[in-house]
Amino acid sequence: MPITLPFPPAVNPRVELLDEHLDAVADRYGERGTTERARWRSVHFGLLAARMYPEAQLDLLTLSAEALVWLFEYDDHLVDLPPESEQQDAHALMLATADVLAGRQATRPASPLGLLWDICLRARTIGGEAWWVRFGQDAQDFADLMYDESRSRAERRPPSPESYRRLRRGTSGWALLTDLAELVAGQPLPEHVVRGGRYRELRWAAGDLACAINDLLSHPKELAAGEYHNLVMVLEHSRRIDVAEARAIVTGMIPELLADYLRIRAEFLAEQPLARDHVRALEHLMRGSLDWSIASGRYPELVDGGSHR
């Protein structure tokens, strides 16, 4: 069944400049810079940022790209470690993230926190104090939940659907991505809007939809890697069904999640008609993630040319 989203595709015209910027960022890795530059190009991080933030000016586009790379680098740092070692490293990274965000790290730390240190130097002054506090809290929540996920692996206990939803929202980095989308839309949303129930519903309806799509696309790859933090595998385990049934359930969830998002969008815009640019920025995140997944060849098992309208 093709995965469809009713949002127009777009690519930031500054994508080539973005590749050059990420090359320069990779050079900060010293001897590893050449390797990282080649890897980031092969993964097409520049294209991911350009698709998720197609309307961003260059300063915000480069900041958003660095944030995306940081999320991936953080996750990759913990991949392939034995579960107990992963838990220890995730705990150390969680504490070190707090130090970077609080400004207690005087010099650029090693990967993967070096990128966060760079990001903080710029992000503190871009969106204003209230926005920065939210951004910092969302970055810390990401690190905290990456640690919680590592504990789940160390204890060899697949999460329940409820706990998985909480973990997935955090470890996807969706909150960070939407914080940046606010800036791309022109300015941060007023705090009373961000803290209001309707916007929270909207942001997480979009995030749940994007994560369900990604879990369906990435399932074969994660299954081969022995990973079980994936919605397909969580349902397979919790409901004691076979993988075909679990995949069918997740596939059927996607139009339902889309319908939920569209309903909440209409309700949010009825209350906040001036926030249309912010809503469009959310939709670029969802559509951009899907288009990048297919265009980059990251999940070739499910690619059917032209099916991702």
C-alpha atoms as a PDB file:
ATOM      1  CA  MET A   1       0.000   0.000   0.000  1.00  0.00           C
ATOM      2  CA  PRO A   2       1.561   3.337  -1.007  1.00  0.00           C
ATOM      3  CA  ILE A   3       2.173   5.919   1.688  1.00  0.00           C
ATOM      4  CA  THR A   4       0.584   9.226   0.754  1.00  0.00           C
ATOM      5  CA  LEU A   5       0.528  12.665   2.361  1.00  0.00           C
ATOM      6  CA  PRO A   6      -1.574  15.510   0.949  1.00  0.00           C
ATOM      7  CA  PHE A   7       1.122  18.142   1.403  1.00  0.00           C
ATOM      8  CA  PRO A   8       3.089  19.552  -1.558  1.00  0.00           C
ATOM      9  CA  PRO A   9       6.749  18.495  -1.876  1.00  0.00           C
ATOM     10  CA  ALA A  10       9.415  21.178  -1.767  1.00  0.00           C
ATOM     11  CA  VAL A  11      13.205  21.495  -1.683  1.00  0.00           C
ATOM     12  CA  ASN A  12      15.127  24.500  -0.417  1.00  0.00           C
ATOM     13  CA  PRO A  13      17.011  26.067  -3.364  1.00  0.00           C
ATOM     14  CA  ARG A  14      20.043  26.527  -1.089  1.00  0.00           C
ATOM     15  CA  VAL A  15      20.656  22.777  -0.839  1.00  0.00           C
ATOM     16  CA  GLU A  16      24.052  22.899  -2.569  1.00  0.00           C
ATOM     17  CA  LEU A  17      25.272  25.622  -0.210  1.00  0.00           C
ATOM     18  CA  LEU A  18      24.063  23.448   2.629  1.00  0.00           C
ATOM     19  CA  ASP A  19      26.246  20.547   1.501  1.00  0.00           C
ATOM     20  CA  GLU A  20      29.225  22.896   1.504  1.00  0.00           C
ATOM     21  CA  HIS A  21      28.347  24.083   5.006  1.00  0.00           C
ATOM     22  CA  LEU A  22      28.120  20.547   6.349  1.00  0.00           C
ATOM     23  CA  ASP A  23      31.487  19.772   4.754  1.00  0.00           C
ATOM     24  CA  ALA A  24      32.944  22.636   6.784  1.00  0.00           C
ATOM     25  CA  VAL A  25      31.241  21.340   9.930  1.00  0.00           C
ATOM     26  CA  ALA A  26      32.770  17.905   9.340  1.00  0.00           C
ATOM     27  CA  ASP A  27      36.220  19.499   9.209  1.00  0.00           C
ATOM     28  CA  ARG A  28      35.849  20.299  12.919  1.00  0.00           C
ATOM     29  CA  TYR A  29      36.154  16.566  13.565  1.00  0.00           C
ATOM     30  CA  GLY A  30      39.882  16.741  12.866  1.00  0.00           C
ATOM     31  CA  GLU A  31      41.276  13.474  11.524  1.00  0.00           C
ATOM     32  CA  ARG A  32      37.760  12.059  11.318  1.00  0.00           C
ATOM     33  CA  GLY A  33      36.562  14.977   9.215  1.00  0.00           C
ATOM     34  CA  THR A  34      37.140  13.363   5.837  1.00  0.00           C
ATOM     35  CA  THR A  35      35.298  10.223   6.908  1.00  0.00           C
ATOM     36  CA  GLU A  36      32.386  12.177   8.353  1.00  0.00           C
ATOM     37  CA  ARG A  37      32.122  14.395   5.281  1.00  0.00           C
ATOM     38  CA  ALA A  38      31.839  11.343   3.033  1.00  0.00           C
ATOM     39  CA  ARG A  39      29.325   9.664   5.331  1.00  0.00           C
ATOM     40  CA  TRP A  40      27.126  12.732   5.678  1.00  0.00           C
ATOM     41  CA  ARG A  41      27.115  13.184   1.900  1.00  0.00           C
ATOM     42  CA  SER A  42      26.194   9.520   1.402  1.00  0.00           C
ATOM     43  CA  VAL A  43      23.285   9.842   3.836  1.00  0.00           C
ATOM     44  CA  HIS A  44      22.172  13.087   2.125  1.00  0.00           C
ATOM     45  CA  PHE A  45      21.740  15.119   5.304  1.00  0.00           C
ATOM     46  CA  GLY A  46      21.771  18.292   3.231  1.00  0.00           C
ATOM     47  CA  LEU A  47      18.820  17.031   1.206  1.00  0.00           C
ATOM     48  CA  LEU A  48      16.962  16.049   4.393  1.00  0.00           C
ATOM     49  CA  ALA A  49      17.274  19.551   5.826  1.00  0.00           C
ATOM     50  CA  ALA A  50      16.408  21.135   2.484  1.00  0.00           C
ATOM     51  CA  ARG A  51      13.220  19.066   2.229  1.00  0.00           C
ATOM     52  CA  MET A  52      12.147  19.548   5.843  1.00  0.00           C
ATOM     53  CA  TYR A  53      12.887  23.283   5.856  1.00  0.00           C
ATOM     54  CA  PRO A  54      12.327  24.344   2.241  1.00  0.00           C
ATOM     55  CA  GLU A  55      11.457  27.958   3.125  1.00  0.00           C
ATOM     56  CA  ALA A  56      14.337  28.595   5.552  1.00  0.00           C
ATOM     57  CA  GLN A  57      16.863  31.336   4.951  1.00  0.00           C
ATOM     58  CA  LEU A  58      20.467  30.152   4.932  1.00  0.00           C
ATOM     59  CA  ASP A  59      21.245  30.912   8.589  1.00  0.00           C
ATOM     60  CA  LEU A  60      18.261  28.938   9.849  1.00  0.00           C
ATOM     61  CA  LEU A  61      18.737  26.239   7.244  1.00  0.00           C
ATOM     62  CA  THR A  62      22.320  25.596   8.341  1.00  0.00           C
ATOM     63  CA  LEU A  63      21.319  25.614  12.021  1.00  0.00           C
ATOM     64  CA  SER A  64      18.489  23.166  11.313  1.00  0.00           C
ATOM     65  CA  ALA A  65      20.810  20.913   9.325  1.00  0.00           C
ATOM     66  CA  GLU A  66      23.299  20.818  12.186  1.00  0.00           C
ATOM     67  CA  ALA A  67      20.488  19.928  14.587  1.00  0.00           C
ATOM     68  CA  LEU A  68      19.381  17.084  12.307  1.00  0.00           C
ATOM     69  CA  VAL A  69      22.918  15.761  12.023  1.00  0.00           C
ATOM     70  CA  TRP A  70      23.297  15.986  15.808  1.00  0.00           C
ATOM     71  CA  LEU A  71      20.204  13.840  16.356  1.00  0.00           C
ATOM     72  CA  PHE A  72      21.549  11.192  13.987  1.00  0.00           C
ATOM     73  CA  GLU A  73      25.093  11.374  15.377  1.00  0.00           C
ATOM     74  CA  TYR A  74      23.816  10.964  18.929  1.00  0.00           C
ATOM     75  CA  ASP A  75      21.802   7.892  17.962  1.00  0.00           C
ATOM     76  CA  ASP A  76      24.628   6.441  15.855  1.00  0.00           C
ATOM     77  CA  HIS A  77      27.040   6.844  18.770  1.00  0.00           C
ATOM     78  CA  LEU A  78      24.989   4.275  20.694  1.00  0.00           C
ATOM     79  CA  VAL A  79      24.374   1.852  17.829  1.00  0.00           C
ATOM     80  CA  ASP A  80      26.040  -1.576  17.877  1.00  0.00           C
ATOM     81  CA  LEU A  81      27.130  -1.281  21.513  1.00  0.00           C
ATOM     82  CA  PRO A  82      26.287  -4.179  23.852  1.00  0.00           C
ATOM     83  CA  PRO A  83      23.119  -3.222  25.788  1.00  0.00           C
ATOM     84  CA  GLU A  84      24.940  -2.659  29.098  1.00  0.00           C
ATOM     85  CA  SER A  85      27.609  -0.487  27.471  1.00  0.00           C
ATOM     86  CA  GLU A  86      24.937   1.424  25.573  1.00  0.00           C
ATOM     87  CA  GLN A  87      23.149   2.189  28.840  1.00  0.00           C
ATOM     88  CA  GLN A  88      26.345   3.484  30.429  1.00  0.00           C
ATOM     89  CA  ASP A  89      27.208   5.630  27.415  1.00  0.00           C
ATOM     90  CA  ALA A  90      23.643   6.950  27.137  1.00  0.00           C
ATOM     91  CA  HIS A  91      23.719   7.941  30.810  1.00  0.00           C
ATOM     92  CA  ALA A  92      27.033   9.762  30.365  1.00  0.00           C
ATOM     93  CA  LEU A  93      25.725  11.535  27.269  1.00  0.00           C
ATOM     94  CA  MET A  94      22.543  12.560  29.092  1.00  0.00           C
ATOM     95  CA  LEU A  95      24.574  14.227  31.863  1.00  0.00           C
ATOM     96  CA  ALA A  96      26.988  15.812  29.382  1.00  0.00           C
ATOM     97  CA  THR A  97      24.057  17.191  27.356  1.00  0.00           C
ATOM     98  CA  ALA A  98      22.840  18.980  30.479  1.00  0.00           C
ATOM     99  CA  ASP A  99      26.294  20.528  30.943  1.00  0.00           C
ATOM    100  CA  VAL A 100      26.414  21.780  27.349  1.00  0.00           C
ATOM    101  CA  LEU A 101      22.903  23.232  27.499  1.00  0.00           C
ATOM    102  CA  ALA A 102      23.640  24.971  30.803  1.00  0.00           C
ATOM    103  CA  GLY A 103      26.816  26.529  29.396  1.00  0.00           C
ATOM    104  CA  ARG A 104      29.067  24.597  31.769  1.00  0.00           C
ATOM    105  CA  GLN A 105      31.211  23.246  28.916  1.00  0.00           C
ATOM    106  CA  ALA A 106      33.879  25.865  28.195  1.00  0.00           C
ATOM    107  CA  THR A 107      35.409  24.174  25.145  1.00  0.00           C
ATOM    108  CA  ARG A 108      33.965  22.181  22.278  1.00  0.00           C
ATOM    109  CA  PRO A 109      33.492  18.571  23.443  1.00  0.00           C
ATOM    110  CA  ALA A 110      34.017  15.422  21.400  1.00  0.00           C
ATOM    111  CA  SER A 111      31.360  13.933  19.132  1.00  0.00           C
ATOM    112  CA  PRO A 112      28.412  13.739  19.355  1.00  0.00           C
ATOM    113  CA  LEU A 113      28.122  16.710  21.729  1.00  0.00           C
ATOM    114  CA  GLY A 114      30.429  18.979  19.753  1.00  0.00           C
ATOM    115  CA  LEU A 115      27.627  19.717  17.322  1.00  0.00           C
ATOM    116  CA  LEU A 116      25.224  20.564  20.148  1.00  0.00           C
ATOM    117  CA  TRP A 117      27.835  22.938  21.579  1.00  0.00           C
ATOM    118  CA  ASP A 118      28.042  24.679  18.188  1.00  0.00           C
ATOM    119  CA  ILE A 119      24.264  24.827  17.910  1.00  0.00           C
ATOM    120  CA  CYS A 120      23.867  26.358  21.361  1.00  0.00           C
ATOM    121  CA  LEU A 121      26.272  29.181  20.564  1.00  0.00           C
ATOM    122  CA  ARG A 122      23.961  30.281  17.748  1.00  0.00           C
ATOM    123  CA  ALA A 123      20.529  29.204  18.954  1.00  0.00           C
ATOM    124  CA  ARG A 124      20.691  31.128  22.250  1.00  0.00           C
ATOM    125  CA  THR A 125      20.387  34.428  20.391  1.00  0.00           C
ATOM    126  CA  ILE A 126      18.130  33.530  17.483  1.00  0.00           C
ATOM    127  CA  GLY A 127      14.686  32.870  18.895  1.00  0.00           C
ATOM    128  CA  GLY A 128      14.590  34.876  22.113  1.00  0.00           C
ATOM    129  CA  GLU A 129      14.792  33.736  25.719  1.00  0.00           C
ATOM    130  CA  ALA A 130      11.450  31.906  25.952  1.00  0.00           C
ATOM    131  CA  TRP A 131      12.101  30.003  22.741  1.00  0.00           C
ATOM    132  CA  TRP A 132      15.645  29.096  23.847  1.00  0.00           C
ATOM    133  CA  VAL A 133      14.380  27.713  27.182  1.00  0.00           C
ATOM    134  CA  ARG A 134      11.945  25.486  25.298  1.00  0.00           C
ATOM    135  CA  PHE A 135      14.572  24.408  22.790  1.00  0.00           C
ATOM    136  CA  GLY A 136      16.994  23.526  25.585  1.00  0.00           C
ATOM    137  CA  GLN A 137      14.367  21.544  27.459  1.00  0.00           C
ATOM    138  CA  ASP A 138      13.440  19.634  24.302  1.00  0.00           C
ATOM    139  CA  ALA A 139      17.118  18.819  23.665  1.00  0.00           C
ATOM    140  CA  GLN A 140      17.443  17.525  27.221  1.00  0.00           C
ATOM    141  CA  ASP A 141      14.227  15.510  26.893  1.00  0.00           C
ATOM    142  CA  PHE A 142      15.719  13.859  23.809  1.00  0.00           C
ATOM    143  CA  ALA A 143      18.843  12.864  25.751  1.00  0.00           C
ATOM    144  CA  ASP A 144      16.803  11.687  28.744  1.00  0.00           C
ATOM    145  CA  LEU A 145      14.580   9.480  26.627  1.00  0.00           C
ATOM    146  CA  MET A 146      17.526   8.085  24.689  1.00  0.00           C
ATOM    147  CA  TYR A 147      18.778   6.930  28.079  1.00  0.00           C
ATOM    148  CA  ASP A 148      15.364   5.443  28.940  1.00  0.00           C
ATOM    149  CA  GLU A 149      15.395   3.564  25.642  1.00  0.00           C
ATOM    150  CA  SER A 150      18.874   2.208  26.384  1.00  0.00           C
ATOM    151  CA  ARG A 151      17.648   0.975  29.778  1.00  0.00           C
ATOM    152  CA  SER A 152      14.842  -0.868  28.019  1.00  0.00           C
ATOM    153  CA  ARG A 153      17.388  -2.614  25.806  1.00  0.00           C
ATOM    154  CA  ALA A 154      19.678  -3.456  28.736  1.00  0.00           C
ATOM    155  CA  GLU A 155      16.746  -4.998  30.587  1.00  0.00           C
ATOM    156  CA  ARG A 156      15.725  -6.796  27.385  1.00  0.00           C
ATOM    157  CA  ARG A 157      12.100  -5.772  27.793  1.00  0.00           C
ATOM    158  CA  PRO A 158      10.165  -4.565  24.748  1.00  0.00           C
ATOM    159  CA  PRO A 159       8.136  -1.476  25.639  1.00  0.00           C
ATOM    160  CA  SER A 160       4.367  -1.442  25.842  1.00  0.00           C
ATOM    161  CA  PRO A 161       2.559   0.544  23.115  1.00  0.00           C
ATOM    162  CA  GLU A 162       1.947   3.355  25.620  1.00  0.00           C
ATOM    163  CA  SER A 163       5.549   3.611  26.808  1.00  0.00           C
ATOM    164  CA  TYR A 164       6.799   3.226  23.242  1.00  0.00           C
ATOM    165  CA  ARG A 165       4.733   6.201  22.125  1.00  0.00           C
ATOM    166  CA  ARG A 166       6.336   8.343  24.851  1.00  0.00           C
ATOM    167  CA  LEU A 167       9.814   7.099  23.965  1.00  0.00           C
ATOM    168  CA  ARG A 168       9.311   7.527  20.228  1.00  0.00           C
ATOM    169  CA  ARG A 169       8.082  11.091  20.566  1.00  0.00           C
ATOM    170  CA  GLY A 170      11.231  11.952  22.482  1.00  0.00           C
ATOM    171  CA  THR A 171      13.885   9.937  20.657  1.00  0.00           C
ATOM    172  CA  SER A 172      12.642  11.099  17.253  1.00  0.00           C
ATOM    173  CA  GLY A 173      13.718  14.637  18.118  1.00  0.00           C
ATOM    174  CA  TRP A 174      10.350  15.856  16.856  1.00  0.00           C
ATOM    175  CA  ALA A 175      10.058  18.586  19.480  1.00  0.00           C
ATOM    176  CA  LEU A 176      13.417  20.064  18.446  1.00  0.00           C
ATOM    177  CA  LEU A 177      12.481  19.938  14.778  1.00  0.00           C
ATOM    178  CA  THR A 178       9.214  21.763  15.421  1.00  0.00           C
ATOM    179  CA  ASP A 179      10.969  24.379  17.563  1.00  0.00           C
ATOM    180  CA  LEU A 180      13.153  25.198  14.562  1.00  0.00           C
ATOM    181  CA  ALA A 181      10.131  25.148  12.246  1.00  0.00           C
ATOM    182  CA  GLU A 182       8.611  27.963  14.321  1.00  0.00           C
ATOM    183  CA  LEU A 183      11.581  30.168  13.462  1.00  0.00           C
ATOM    184  CA  VAL A 184      11.407  29.268   9.781  1.00  0.00           C
ATOM    185  CA  ALA A 185       7.755  30.345   9.818  1.00  0.00           C
ATOM    186  CA  GLY A 186       8.898  33.839  10.759  1.00  0.00           C
ATOM    187  CA  GLN A 187       8.973  34.000  14.527  1.00  0.00           C
ATOM    188  CA  PRO A 188       8.314  31.793  17.551  1.00  0.00           C
ATOM    189  CA  LEU A 189       4.704  31.247  18.436  1.00  0.00           C
ATOM    190  CA  PRO A 190       3.523  33.186  21.499  1.00  0.00           C
ATOM    191  CA  GLU A 191       4.101  31.227  24.685  1.00  0.00           C
ATOM    192  CA  HIS A 192       0.402  31.030  25.518  1.00  0.00           C
ATOM    193  CA  VAL A 193      -0.186  29.393  22.122  1.00  0.00           C
ATOM    194  CA  VAL A 194       2.704  26.944  22.489  1.00  0.00           C
ATOM    195  CA  ARG A 195       1.626  25.991  25.992  1.00  0.00           C
ATOM    196  CA  GLY A 196      -2.010  25.723  24.958  1.00  0.00           C
ATOM    197  CA  GLY A 197      -3.579  22.330  24.554  1.00  0.00           C
ATOM    198  CA  ARG A 198      -4.550  22.776  20.927  1.00  0.00           C
ATOM    199  CA  TYR A 199      -1.019  23.412  19.652  1.00  0.00           C
ATOM    200  CA  ARG A 200       0.371  20.520  21.693  1.00  0.00           C
ATOM    201  CA  GLU A 201      -2.259  18.293  20.092  1.00  0.00           C
ATOM    202  CA  LEU A 202      -1.321  19.593  16.641  1.00  0.00           C
ATOM    203  CA  ARG A 203       2.426  19.153  17.096  1.00  0.00           C
ATOM    204  CA  TRP A 204       2.149  15.619  18.420  1.00  0.00           C
ATOM    205  CA  ALA A 205      -0.505  14.582  15.906  1.00  0.00           C
ATOM    206  CA  ALA A 206       2.031  15.545  13.226  1.00  0.00           C
ATOM    207  CA  GLY A 207       4.833  13.801  15.106  1.00  0.00           C
ATOM    208  CA  ASP A 208       2.900  10.582  15.665  1.00  0.00           C
ATOM    209  CA  LEU A 209       2.064  10.461  11.966  1.00  0.00           C
ATOM    210  CA  ALA A 210       5.667  11.075  10.894  1.00  0.00           C
ATOM    211  CA  CYS A 211       6.977   8.470  13.357  1.00  0.00           C
ATOM    212  CA  ALA A 212       4.465   5.820  12.281  1.00  0.00           C
ATOM    213  CA  ILE A 213       5.469   6.322   8.645  1.00  0.00           C
ATOM    214  CA  ASN A 214       9.144   6.125   9.531  1.00  0.00           C
ATOM    215  CA  ASP A 215       8.623   2.970  11.602  1.00  0.00           C
ATOM    216  CA  LEU A 216       6.855   1.284   8.714  1.00  0.00           C
ATOM    217  CA  LEU A 217       9.590   2.275   6.275  1.00  0.00           C
ATOM    218  CA  SER A 218      12.446   1.336   8.594  1.00  0.00           C
ATOM    219  CA  HIS A 219      10.974  -1.921   9.908  1.00  0.00           C
ATOM    220  CA  PRO A 220      12.874  -4.316   7.576  1.00  0.00           C
ATOM    221  CA  LYS A 221      16.156  -2.560   8.309  1.00  0.00           C
ATOM    222  CA  GLU A 222      15.604  -2.508  12.066  1.00  0.00           C
ATOM    223  CA  LEU A 223      14.389  -6.093  12.117  1.00  0.00           C
ATOM    224  CA  ALA A 224      17.603  -7.191  10.411  1.00  0.00           C
ATOM    225  CA  ALA A 225      19.606  -5.241  13.015  1.00  0.00           C
ATOM    226  CA  GLY A 226      17.839  -6.936  15.927  1.00  0.00           C
ATOM    227  CA  GLU A 227      16.134  -3.716  17.009  1.00  0.00           C
ATOM    228  CA  TYR A 228      12.697  -3.904  18.619  1.00  0.00           C
ATOM    229  CA  HIS A 229      11.970  -0.245  19.325  1.00  0.00           C
ATOM    230  CA  ASN A 230       9.706   0.015  16.301  1.00  0.00           C
ATOM    231  CA  LEU A 231       5.930   0.297  16.279  1.00  0.00           C
ATOM    232  CA  VAL A 232       5.531  -2.787  14.080  1.00  0.00           C
ATOM    233  CA  MET A 233       7.536  -4.943  16.503  1.00  0.00           C
ATOM    234  CA  VAL A 234       5.938  -3.380  19.577  1.00  0.00           C
ATOM    235  CA  LEU A 235       2.473  -4.334  18.298  1.00  0.00           C
ATOM    236  CA  GLU A 236       3.668  -7.752  17.206  1.00  0.00           C
ATOM    237  CA  HIS A 237       4.916  -8.444  20.749  1.00  0.00           C
ATOM    238  CA  SER A 238       2.132  -6.778  22.759  1.00  0.00           C
ATOM    239  CA  ARG A 239      -0.732  -8.289  20.748  1.00  0.00           C
ATOM    240  CA  ARG A 240       1.025 -11.602  20.060  1.00  0.00           C
ATOM    241  CA  ILE A 241       0.373 -11.430  16.357  1.00  0.00           C
ATOM    242  CA  ASP A 242       2.594 -12.198  13.393  1.00  0.00           C
ATOM    243  CA  VAL A 243       4.631  -9.578  11.589  1.00  0.00           C
ATOM    244  CA  ALA A 244       2.275  -9.379   8.606  1.00  0.00           C
ATOM    245  CA  GLU A 245      -0.639  -8.541  10.897  1.00  0.00           C
ATOM    246  CA  ALA A 246       1.433  -5.951  12.771  1.00  0.00           C
ATOM    247  CA  ARG A 247       2.528  -4.290   9.544  1.00  0.00           C
ATOM    248  CA  ALA A 248      -1.071  -4.234   8.330  1.00  0.00           C
ATOM    249  CA  ILE A 249      -2.172  -2.540  11.550  1.00  0.00           C
ATOM    250  CA  VAL A 250       0.490   0.174  11.269  1.00  0.00           C
ATOM    251  CA  THR A 251      -0.333   0.658   7.586  1.00  0.00           C
ATOM    252  CA  GLY A 252      -3.991   1.096   8.531  1.00  0.00           C
ATOM    253  CA  MET A 253      -3.070   3.550  11.280  1.00  0.00           C
ATOM    254  CA  ILE A 254      -1.449   6.011   8.886  1.00  0.00           C
ATOM    255  CA  PRO A 255      -4.656   7.320   7.220  1.00  0.00           C
ATOM    256  CA  GLU A 256      -6.291   7.428  10.659  1.00  0.00           C
ATOM    257  CA  LEU A 257      -3.419   9.485  12.077  1.00  0.00           C
ATOM    258  CA  LEU A 258      -3.563  11.757   9.038  1.00  0.00           C
ATOM    259  CA  ALA A 259      -7.302  12.290   9.566  1.00  0.00           C
ATOM    260  CA  ASP A 260      -6.648  13.136  13.225  1.00  0.00           C
ATOM    261  CA  TYR A 261      -4.000  15.653  12.206  1.00  0.00           C
ATOM    262  CA  LEU A 262      -6.244  17.321   9.613  1.00  0.00           C
ATOM    263  CA  ARG A 263      -9.082  17.596  12.150  1.00  0.00           C
ATOM    264  CA  ILE A 264      -6.825  19.148  14.793  1.00  0.00           C
ATOM    265  CA  ARG A 265      -5.296  21.461  12.184  1.00  0.00           C
ATOM    266  CA  ALA A 266      -8.733  22.826  11.303  1.00  0.00           C
ATOM    267  CA  GLU A 267      -9.538  23.380  14.988  1.00  0.00           C
ATOM    268  CA  PHE A 268      -6.174  25.045  15.646  1.00  0.00           C
ATOM    269  CA  LEU A 269      -6.458  27.402  12.664  1.00  0.00           C
ATOM    270  CA  ALA A 270      -9.992  28.340  13.685  1.00  0.00           C
ATOM    271  CA  GLU A 271      -8.459  29.573  16.956  1.00  0.00           C
ATOM    272  CA  GLN A 272      -5.190  30.885  15.486  1.00  0.00           C
ATOM    273  CA  PRO A 273      -5.827  31.971  11.873  1.00  0.00           C
ATOM    274  CA  LEU A 274      -2.528  33.890  11.750  1.00  0.00           C
ATOM    275  CA  ALA A 275      -0.521  30.698  12.377  1.00  0.00           C
ATOM    276  CA  ARG A 276      -0.901  29.291   8.857  1.00  0.00           C
ATOM    277  CA  ASP A 277       2.824  29.646   8.161  1.00  0.00           C
ATOM    278  CA  HIS A 278       3.596  27.638  11.291  1.00  0.00           C
ATOM    279  CA  VAL A 279       1.180  24.910  10.232  1.00  0.00           C
ATOM    280  CA  ARG A 280       2.737  24.776   6.775  1.00  0.00           C
ATOM    281  CA  ALA A 281       6.173  24.450   8.396  1.00  0.00           C
ATOM    282  CA  LEU A 282       4.931  21.396  10.330  1.00  0.00           C
ATOM    283  CA  GLU A 283       3.674  19.852   7.123  1.00  0.00           C
ATOM    284  CA  HIS A 284       7.008  20.440   5.413  1.00  0.00           C
ATOM    285  CA  LEU A 285       8.597  18.397   8.210  1.00  0.00           C
ATOM    286  CA  MET A 286       6.266  15.460   7.610  1.00  0.00           C
ATOM    287  CA  ARG A 287       6.421  15.546   3.833  1.00  0.00           C
ATOM    288  CA  GLY A 288      10.146  16.258   3.774  1.00  0.00           C
ATOM    289  CA  SER A 289      10.948  13.288   5.995  1.00  0.00           C
ATOM    290  CA  LEU A 290       8.948  10.952   3.761  1.00  0.00           C
ATOM    291  CA  ASP A 291      10.387  12.296   0.515  1.00  0.00           C
ATOM    292  CA  TRP A 292      13.950  12.149   1.830  1.00  0.00           C
ATOM    293  CA  SER A 293      13.477   8.568   3.024  1.00  0.00           C
ATOM    294  CA  ILE A 294      12.560   7.559  -0.498  1.00  0.00           C
ATOM    295  CA  ALA A 295      14.814   9.871  -2.523  1.00  0.00           C
ATOM    296  CA  SER A 296      17.876   8.990  -0.452  1.00  0.00           C
ATOM    297  CA  GLY A 297      17.357   5.259  -0.960  1.00  0.00           C
ATOM    298  CA  ARG A 298      17.527   4.786   2.801  1.00  0.00           C
ATOM    299  CA  TYR A 299      14.696   2.247   2.807  1.00  0.00           C
ATOM    300  CA  PRO A 300      14.705   0.671  -0.663  1.00  0.00           C
ATOM    301  CA  GLU A 301      12.596  -2.306   0.443  1.00  0.00           C
ATOM    302  CA  LEU A 302       9.397  -0.242   0.384  1.00  0.00           C
ATOM    303  CA  VAL A 303      10.116   2.159  -2.446  1.00  0.00           C
ATOM    304  CA  ASP A 304       7.696   1.996  -5.355  1.00  0.00           C
ATOM    305  CA  GLY A 305       8.530   4.755  -7.823  1.00  0.00           C
ATOM    306  CA  GLY A 306       6.070   7.601  -7.652  1.00  0.00           C
ATOM    307  CA  SER A 307       3.962   6.041  -4.892  1.00  0.00           C
ATOM    308  CA  HIS A 308       4.710   8.726  -2.305  1.00  0.00           C
ATOM    309  CA  ARG A 309       2.541  11.474  -3.770  1.00  0.00           C
END
